[in-house]
PDB file of N, CA and C in Angstrom:
ATOM      1  N   MET A   1      13.663   4.774 -20.317  1.00  0.00           N
ATOM      2  CA  MET A   1      14.704   3.867 -19.897  1.00  0.00           C
ATOM      3  C   MET A   1      15.219   4.363 -18.545  1.00  0.00           C
ATOM      4  N   LEU A   2      15.547   3.430 -17.701  1.00  0.00           N
ATOM      5  CA  LEU A   2      16.015   3.743 -16.364  1.00  0.00           C
ATOM      6  C   LEU A   2      17.511   4.050 -16.380  1.00  0.00           C
ATOM      7  N   THR A   3      17.908   5.084 -15.650  1.00  0.00           N
ATOM      8  CA  THR A   3      19.315   5.447 -15.521  1.00  0.00           C
ATOM      9  C   THR A   3      19.534   6.049 -14.138  1.00  0.00           C
ATOM     10  N   THR A   4      20.759   6.434 -13.870  1.00  0.00           N
ATOM     11  CA  THR A   4      21.062   7.114 -12.615  1.00  0.00           C
ATOM     12  C   THR A   4      21.426   8.564 -12.922  1.00  0.00           C
ATOM     13  N   LYS A   5      21.174   9.427 -11.960  1.00  0.00           N
ATOM     14  CA  LYS A   5      21.382  10.858 -12.179  1.00  0.00           C
ATOM     15  C   LYS A   5      22.843  11.219 -12.372  1.00  0.00           C
ATOM     16  N   ASP A   6      23.756  10.399 -11.857  1.00  0.00           N
ATOM     17  CA  ASP A   6      25.170  10.729 -11.983  1.00  0.00           C
ATOM     18  C   ASP A   6      25.844  10.107 -13.206  1.00  0.00           C
ATOM     19  N   ASN A   7      25.078   9.427 -14.040  1.00  0.00           N
ATOM     20  CA  ASN A   7      25.631   8.878 -15.272  1.00  0.00           C
ATOM     21  C   ASN A   7      25.412   9.909 -16.381  1.00  0.00           C
ATOM     22  N   PRO A   8      26.494  10.487 -16.918  1.00  0.00           N
ATOM     23  CA  PRO A   8      26.340  11.562 -17.899  1.00  0.00           C
ATOM     24  C   PRO A   8      25.893  11.091 -19.285  1.00  0.00           C
ATOM     25  N   TRP A   9      25.901   9.804 -19.535  1.00  0.00           N
ATOM     26  CA  TRP A   9      25.573   9.276 -20.856  1.00  0.00           C
ATOM     27  C   TRP A   9      24.082   8.980 -20.977  1.00  0.00           C
ATOM     28  N   ASP A  10      23.528   9.299 -22.132  1.00  0.00           N
ATOM     29  CA  ASP A  10      22.142   8.979 -22.442  1.00  0.00           C
ATOM     30  C   ASP A  10      22.100   7.544 -22.965  1.00  0.00           C
ATOM     31  N   PRO A  11      21.393   6.646 -22.274  1.00  0.00           N
ATOM     32  CA  PRO A  11      21.393   5.247 -22.731  1.00  0.00           C
ATOM     33  C   PRO A  11      20.752   5.058 -24.098  1.00  0.00           C
ATOM     34  N   TRP A  12      19.884   5.970 -24.506  1.00  0.00           N
ATOM     35  CA  TRP A  12      19.278   5.861 -25.834  1.00  0.00           C
ATOM     36  C   TRP A  12      20.271   6.200 -26.933  1.00  0.00           C
ATOM     37  N   LEU A  13      21.161   7.141 -26.652  1.00  0.00           N
ATOM     38  CA  LEU A  13      22.068   7.637 -27.691  1.00  0.00           C
ATOM     39  C   LEU A  13      23.475   7.066 -27.609  1.00  0.00           C
ATOM     40  N   HIS A  14      23.911   6.707 -26.403  1.00  0.00           N
ATOM     41  CA  HIS A  14      25.289   6.252 -26.199  1.00  0.00           C
ATOM     42  C   HIS A  14      25.289   5.007 -25.303  1.00  0.00           C
ATOM     43  N   TRP A  15      24.657   3.964 -25.790  1.00  0.00           N
ATOM     44  CA  TRP A  15      24.451   2.765 -24.984  1.00  0.00           C
ATOM     45  C   TRP A  15      25.744   2.209 -24.387  1.00  0.00           C
ATOM     46  N   ASP A  16      26.757   1.993 -25.205  1.00  0.00           N
ATOM     47  CA  ASP A  16      27.995   1.384 -24.719  1.00  0.00           C
ATOM     48  C   ASP A  16      28.654   2.231 -23.633  1.00  0.00           C
ATOM     49  N   ASN A  17      28.710   3.538 -23.842  1.00  0.00           N
ATOM     50  CA  ASN A  17      29.294   4.433 -22.838  1.00  0.00           C
ATOM     51  C   ASN A  17      28.446   4.453 -21.566  1.00  0.00           C
ATOM     52  N   TRP A  18      27.127   4.483 -21.754  1.00  0.00           N
ATOM     53  CA  TRP A  18      26.223   4.485 -20.602  1.00  0.00           C
ATOM     54  C   TRP A  18      26.419   3.206 -19.782  1.00  0.00           C
ATOM     55  N   LEU A  19      26.445   2.069 -20.453  1.00  0.00           N
ATOM     56  CA  LEU A  19      26.581   0.785 -19.773  1.00  0.00           C
ATOM     57  C   LEU A  19      27.924   0.681 -19.045  1.00  0.00           C
ATOM     58  N   ALA A  20      28.983   1.119 -19.703  1.00  0.00           N
ATOM     59  CA  ALA A  20      30.307   1.075 -19.074  1.00  0.00           C
ATOM     60  C   ALA A  20      30.335   1.944 -17.815  1.00  0.00           C
ATOM     61  N   MET A  21      29.746   3.125 -17.869  1.00  0.00           N
ATOM     62  CA  MET A  21      29.713   4.011 -16.706  1.00  0.00           C
ATOM     63  C   MET A  21      28.831   3.425 -15.607  1.00  0.00           C
ATOM     64  N   ASP A  22      27.689   2.869 -15.974  1.00  0.00           N
ATOM     65  CA  ASP A  22      26.784   2.263 -15.000  1.00  0.00           C
ATOM     66  C   ASP A  22      27.485   1.154 -14.231  1.00  0.00           C
ATOM     67  N   ARG A  23      28.247   0.350 -14.934  1.00  0.00           N
ATOM     68  CA  ARG A  23      28.976  -0.748 -14.287  1.00  0.00           C
ATOM     69  C   ARG A  23      30.173  -0.235 -13.494  1.00  0.00           C
ATOM     70  N   ALA A  24      30.865   0.779 -14.016  1.00  0.00           N
ATOM     71  CA  ALA A  24      32.005   1.354 -13.290  1.00  0.00           C
ATOM     72  C   ALA A  24      31.552   1.963 -11.966  1.00  0.00           C
ATOM     73  N   LEU A  25      30.346   2.518 -11.957  1.00  0.00           N
ATOM     74  CA  LEU A  25      29.792   3.096 -10.731  1.00  0.00           C
ATOM     75  C   LEU A  25      29.232   2.019  -9.796  1.00  0.00           C
ATOM     76  N   GLY A  26      29.144   0.787 -10.294  1.00  0.00           N
ATOM     77  CA  GLY A  26      28.692  -0.329  -9.471  1.00  0.00           C
ATOM     78  C   GLY A  26      27.190  -0.460  -9.328  1.00  0.00           C
ATOM     79  N   TYR A  27      26.425   0.165 -10.228  1.00  0.00           N
ATOM     80  CA  TYR A  27      24.964   0.132 -10.106  1.00  0.00           C
ATOM     81  C   TYR A  27      24.332  -1.100 -10.747  1.00  0.00           C
ATOM     82  N   TYR A  28      24.808  -1.489 -11.922  1.00  0.00           N
ATOM     83  CA  TYR A  28      24.237  -2.632 -12.649  1.00  0.00           C
ATOM     84  C   TYR A  28      22.721  -2.473 -12.768  1.00  0.00           C
ATOM     85  N   THR A  29      22.331  -1.333 -13.321  1.00  0.00           N
ATOM     86  CA  THR A  29      20.921  -0.967 -13.428  1.00  0.00           C
ATOM     87  C   THR A  29      20.115  -1.988 -14.210  1.00  0.00           C
ATOM     88  N   ASN A  30      20.658  -2.510 -15.299  1.00  0.00           N
ATOM     89  CA  ASN A  30      19.917  -3.503 -16.086  1.00  0.00           C
ATOM     90  C   ASN A  30      19.647  -4.766 -15.279  1.00  0.00           C
ATOM     91  N   GLU A  31      20.625  -5.177 -14.487  1.00  0.00           N
ATOM     92  CA  GLU A  31      20.450  -6.373 -13.668  1.00  0.00           C
ATOM     93  C   GLU A  31      19.409  -6.129 -12.570  1.00  0.00           C
ATOM     94  N   LEU A  32      19.426  -4.932 -11.993  1.00  0.00           N
ATOM     95  CA  LEU A  32      18.398  -4.576 -11.004  1.00  0.00           C
ATOM     96  C   LEU A  32      17.023  -4.636 -11.644  1.00  0.00           C
ATOM     97  N   LEU A  33      16.892  -4.055 -12.808  1.00  0.00           N
ATOM     98  CA  LEU A  33      15.613  -4.061 -13.513  1.00  0.00           C
ATOM     99  C   LEU A  33      15.156  -5.487 -13.803  1.00  0.00           C
ATOM    100  N   ALA A  34      16.053  -6.343 -14.232  1.00  0.00           N
ATOM    101  CA  ALA A  34      15.708  -7.738 -14.522  1.00  0.00           C
ATOM    102  C   ALA A  34      15.239  -8.460 -13.260  1.00  0.00           C
ATOM    103  N   ARG A  35      15.902  -8.202 -12.129  1.00  0.00           N
ATOM    104  CA  ARG A  35      15.487  -8.850 -10.871  1.00  0.00           C
ATOM    105  C   ARG A  35      14.092  -8.398 -10.455  1.00  0.00           C
ATOM    106  N   VAL A  36      13.825  -7.117 -10.592  1.00  0.00           N
ATOM    107  CA  VAL A  36      12.518  -6.602 -10.185  1.00  0.00           C
ATOM    108  C   VAL A  36      11.429  -7.058 -11.155  1.00  0.00           C
ATOM    109  N   MET A  37      11.749  -7.148 -12.427  1.00  0.00           N
ATOM    110  CA  MET A  37      10.768  -7.580 -13.437  1.00  0.00           C
ATOM    111  C   MET A  37      10.313  -9.015 -13.211  1.00  0.00           C
ATOM    112  N   GLN A  38      11.221  -9.898 -12.882  1.00  0.00           N
ATOM    113  CA  GLN A  38      10.926 -11.318 -12.743  1.00  0.00           C
ATOM    114  C   GLN A  38      10.219 -11.854 -13.981  1.00  0.00           C
ATOM    115  N   ALA A  39      10.749 -11.489 -15.131  1.00  0.00           N
ATOM    116  CA  ALA A  39      10.153 -11.919 -16.398  1.00  0.00           C
ATOM    117  C   ALA A  39      10.415 -13.401 -16.626  1.00  0.00           C
ATOM    118  N   SER A  40       9.619 -13.973 -17.484  1.00  0.00           N
ATOM    119  CA  SER A  40       9.818 -15.360 -17.853  1.00  0.00           C
ATOM    120  C   SER A  40       9.784 -15.478 -19.379  1.00  0.00           C
ATOM    121  N   TYR A  41      10.313 -16.563 -19.871  1.00  0.00           N
ATOM    122  CA  TYR A  41      10.338 -16.782 -21.309  1.00  0.00           C
ATOM    123  C   TYR A  41       8.928 -16.985 -21.835  1.00  0.00           C
ATOM    124  N   GLY A  42       8.738 -16.598 -23.079  1.00  0.00           N
ATOM    125  CA  GLY A  42       7.474 -16.839 -23.740  1.00  0.00           C
ATOM    126  C   GLY A  42       6.461 -15.719 -23.595  1.00  0.00           C
ATOM    127  N   LEU A  43       6.843 -14.626 -22.960  1.00  0.00           N
ATOM    128  CA  LEU A  43       5.914 -13.501 -22.845  1.00  0.00           C
ATOM    129  C   LEU A  43       5.832 -12.763 -24.176  1.00  0.00           C
ATOM    130  N   SER A  44       4.685 -12.198 -24.433  1.00  0.00           N
ATOM    131  CA  SER A  44       4.552 -11.365 -25.629  1.00  0.00           C
ATOM    132  C   SER A  44       5.337 -10.079 -25.406  1.00  0.00           C
ATOM    133  N   ASP A  45       5.663  -9.390 -26.475  1.00  0.00           N
ATOM    134  CA  ASP A  45       6.373  -8.116 -26.358  1.00  0.00           C
ATOM    135  C   ASP A  45       5.566  -7.139 -25.505  1.00  0.00           C
ATOM    136  N   GLU A  46       4.264  -7.141 -25.687  1.00  0.00           N
ATOM    137  CA  GLU A  46       3.393  -6.239 -24.928  1.00  0.00           C
ATOM    138  C   GLU A  46       3.441  -6.556 -23.429  1.00  0.00           C
ATOM    139  N   ASP A  47       3.380  -7.841 -23.086  1.00  0.00           N
ATOM    140  CA  ASP A  47       3.452  -8.234 -21.674  1.00  0.00           C
ATOM    141  C   ASP A  47       4.809  -7.889 -21.065  1.00  0.00           C
ATOM    142  N   GLU A  48       5.868  -8.079 -21.844  1.00  0.00           N
ATOM    143  CA  GLU A  48       7.204  -7.754 -21.354  1.00  0.00           C
ATOM    144  C   GLU A  48       7.349  -6.251 -21.122  1.00  0.00           C
ATOM    145  N   GLU A  49       6.810  -5.448 -22.029  1.00  0.00           N
ATOM    146  CA  GLU A  49       6.849  -3.990 -21.869  1.00  0.00           C
ATOM    147  C   GLU A  49       6.065  -3.562 -20.628  1.00  0.00           C
ATOM    148  N   THR A  50       4.939  -4.211 -20.384  1.00  0.00           N
ATOM    149  CA  THR A  50       4.136  -3.899 -19.198  1.00  0.00           C
ATOM    150  C   THR A  50       4.906  -4.236 -17.932  1.00  0.00           C
ATOM    151  N   LEU A  51       5.534  -5.416 -17.901  1.00  0.00           N
ATOM    152  CA  LEU A  51       6.344  -5.803 -16.743  1.00  0.00           C
ATOM    153  C   LEU A  51       7.498  -4.834 -16.522  1.00  0.00           C
ATOM    154  N   GLU A  52       8.136  -4.420 -17.604  1.00  0.00           N
ATOM    155  CA  GLU A  52       9.257  -3.484 -17.483  1.00  0.00           C
ATOM    156  C   GLU A  52       8.778  -2.148 -16.926  1.00  0.00           C
ATOM    157  N   ALA A  53       7.666  -1.639 -17.423  1.00  0.00           N
ATOM    158  CA  ALA A  53       7.136  -0.363 -16.933  1.00  0.00           C
ATOM    159  C   ALA A  53       6.799  -0.452 -15.447  1.00  0.00           C
ATOM    160  N   ARG A  54       6.191  -1.550 -15.039  1.00  0.00           N
ATOM    161  CA  ARG A  54       5.864  -1.735 -13.620  1.00  0.00           C
ATOM    162  C   ARG A  54       7.120  -1.817 -12.764  1.00  0.00           C
ATOM    163  N   ALA A  55       8.141  -2.514 -13.265  1.00  0.00           N
ATOM    164  CA  ALA A  55       9.390  -2.651 -12.524  1.00  0.00           C
ATOM    165  C   ALA A  55      10.078  -1.297 -12.378  1.00  0.00           C
ATOM    166  N   ILE A  56      10.092  -0.512 -13.436  1.00  0.00           N
ATOM    167  CA  ILE A  56      10.685   0.822 -13.370  1.00  0.00           C
ATOM    168  C   ILE A  56       9.930   1.673 -12.356  1.00  0.00           C
ATOM    169  N   ASP A  57       8.607   1.617 -12.390  1.00  0.00           N
ATOM    170  CA  ASP A  57       7.808   2.363 -11.415  1.00  0.00           C
ATOM    171  C   ASP A  57       8.141   1.929  -9.990  1.00  0.00           C
ATOM    172  N   GLU A  58       8.299   0.622  -9.781  1.00  0.00           N
ATOM    173  CA  GLU A  58       8.623   0.109  -8.451  1.00  0.00           C
ATOM    174  C   GLU A  58       9.997   0.594  -7.986  1.00  0.00           C
ATOM    175  N   ILE A  59      10.967   0.552  -8.887  1.00  0.00           N
ATOM    176  CA  ILE A  59      12.315   1.018  -8.545  1.00  0.00           C
ATOM    177  C   ILE A  59      12.285   2.503  -8.195  1.00  0.00           C
ATOM    178  N   LEU A  60      11.622   3.304  -9.009  1.00  0.00           N
ATOM    179  CA  LEU A  60      11.559   4.743  -8.755  1.00  0.00           C
ATOM    180  C   LEU A  60      10.800   5.054  -7.465  1.00  0.00           C
ATOM    181  N   THR A  61       9.743   4.323  -7.196  1.00  0.00           N
ATOM    182  CA  THR A  61       8.950   4.537  -5.985  1.00  0.00           C
ATOM    183  C   THR A  61       9.744   4.194  -4.730  1.00  0.00           C
ATOM    184  N   ASN A  62      10.552   3.159  -4.802  1.00  0.00           N
ATOM    185  CA  ASN A  62      11.298   2.690  -3.630  1.00  0.00           C
ATOM    186  C   ASN A  62      12.734   3.203  -3.582  1.00  0.00           C
ATOM    187  N   ASP A  63      13.074   4.141  -4.435  1.00  0.00           N
ATOM    188  CA  ASP A  63      14.434   4.682  -4.508  1.00  0.00           C
ATOM    189  C   ASP A  63      14.634   5.713  -3.397  1.00  0.00           C
ATOM    190  N   MET A  64      15.114   5.253  -2.259  1.00  0.00           N
ATOM    191  CA  MET A  64      15.287   6.125  -1.101  1.00  0.00           C
ATOM    192  C   MET A  64      16.407   7.150  -1.299  1.00  0.00           C
ATOM    193  N   THR A  65      17.337   6.879  -2.199  1.00  0.00           N
ATOM    194  CA  THR A  65      18.456   7.786  -2.428  1.00  0.00           C
ATOM    195  C   THR A  65      18.140   8.841  -3.484  1.00  0.00           C
ATOM    196  N   GLY A  66      17.121   8.603  -4.282  1.00  0.00           N
ATOM    197  CA  GLY A  66      16.767   9.537  -5.347  1.00  0.00           C
ATOM    198  C   GLY A  66      17.757   9.537  -6.500  1.00  0.00           C
ATOM    199  N   MET A  67      18.491   8.434  -6.661  1.00  0.00           N
ATOM    200  CA  MET A  67      19.524   8.403  -7.694  1.00  0.00           C
ATOM    201  C   MET A  67      19.018   7.935  -9.055  1.00  0.00           C
ATOM    202  N   TYR A  68      17.885   7.270  -9.107  1.00  0.00           N
ATOM    203  CA  TYR A  68      17.370   6.769 -10.385  1.00  0.00           C
ATOM    204  C   TYR A  68      16.433   7.780 -11.022  1.00  0.00           C
ATOM    205  N   GLN A  69      16.423   7.761 -12.336  1.00  0.00           N
ATOM    206  CA  GLN A  69      15.504   8.605 -13.080  1.00  0.00           C
ATOM    207  C   GLN A  69      15.143   7.926 -14.392  1.00  0.00           C
ATOM    208  N   LEU A  70      14.071   8.366 -14.975  1.00  0.00           N
ATOM    209  CA  LEU A  70      13.603   7.838 -16.243  1.00  0.00           C
ATOM    210  C   LEU A  70      14.055   8.784 -17.352  1.00  0.00           C
ATOM    211  N   VAL A  71      14.608   8.212 -18.433  1.00  0.00           N
ATOM    212  CA  VAL A  71      15.036   8.997 -19.581  1.00  0.00           C
ATOM    213  C   VAL A  71      14.175   8.588 -20.759  1.00  0.00           C
ATOM    214  N   SER A  72      13.546   9.563 -21.380  1.00  0.00           N
ATOM    215  CA  SER A  72      12.685   9.284 -22.520  1.00  0.00           C
ATOM    216  C   SER A  72      13.504   9.104 -23.788  1.00  0.00           C
ATOM    217  N   ASN A  73      12.972   8.304 -24.692  1.00  0.00           N
ATOM    218  CA  ASN A  73      13.595   8.094 -25.985  1.00  0.00           C
ATOM    219  C   ASN A  73      13.537   9.417 -26.762  1.00  0.00           C
ATOM    220  N   PRO A  74      14.679   9.918 -27.237  1.00  0.00           N
ATOM    221  CA  PRO A  74      14.664  11.187 -27.968  1.00  0.00           C
ATOM    222  C   PRO A  74      13.978  11.073 -29.321  1.00  0.00           C
ATOM    223  N   ASP A  75      13.821   9.858 -29.840  1.00  0.00           N
ATOM    224  CA  ASP A  75      13.130   9.644 -31.107  1.00  0.00           C
ATOM    225  C   ASP A  75      11.891   8.813 -30.841  1.00  0.00           C
ATOM    226  N   PRO A  76      10.723   9.473 -30.688  1.00  0.00           N
ATOM    227  CA  PRO A  76       9.498   8.735 -30.342  1.00  0.00           C
ATOM    228  C   PRO A  76       9.098   7.688 -31.383  1.00  0.00           C
ATOM    229  N   ASN A  77       9.644   7.745 -32.583  1.00  0.00           N
ATOM    230  CA  ASN A  77       9.337   6.743 -33.614  1.00  0.00           C
ATOM    231  C   ASN A  77      10.038   5.425 -33.345  1.00  0.00           C
ATOM    232  N   ASP A  78      11.038   5.421 -32.445  1.00  0.00           N
ATOM    233  CA  ASP A  78      11.811   4.210 -32.145  1.00  0.00           C
ATOM    234  C   ASP A  78      11.271   3.442 -30.948  1.00  0.00           C
ATOM    235  N   GLU A  79      10.258   3.939 -30.276  1.00  0.00           N
ATOM    236  CA  GLU A  79       9.775   3.250 -29.070  1.00  0.00           C
ATOM    237  C   GLU A  79       8.967   2.047 -29.370  1.00  0.00           C
TER     238      GLU A  79
END
């Protein structure tokens, strides 16, 4: 999951706190991800996951500030 380095909350474990901090910092990371994904309705879960992974890669590759990072799910059974 995509997050910023200055957000102390783990989005996997503390979603509400993470989201509130992300918005308070003015990043709106989920909205950025949605814009880059350009997903459309009717995609399979697999296609949507592929688009999300590509969008995250694009954001991380083009992150000139180095503020974004990827956080792995602490419970691999939930992915």
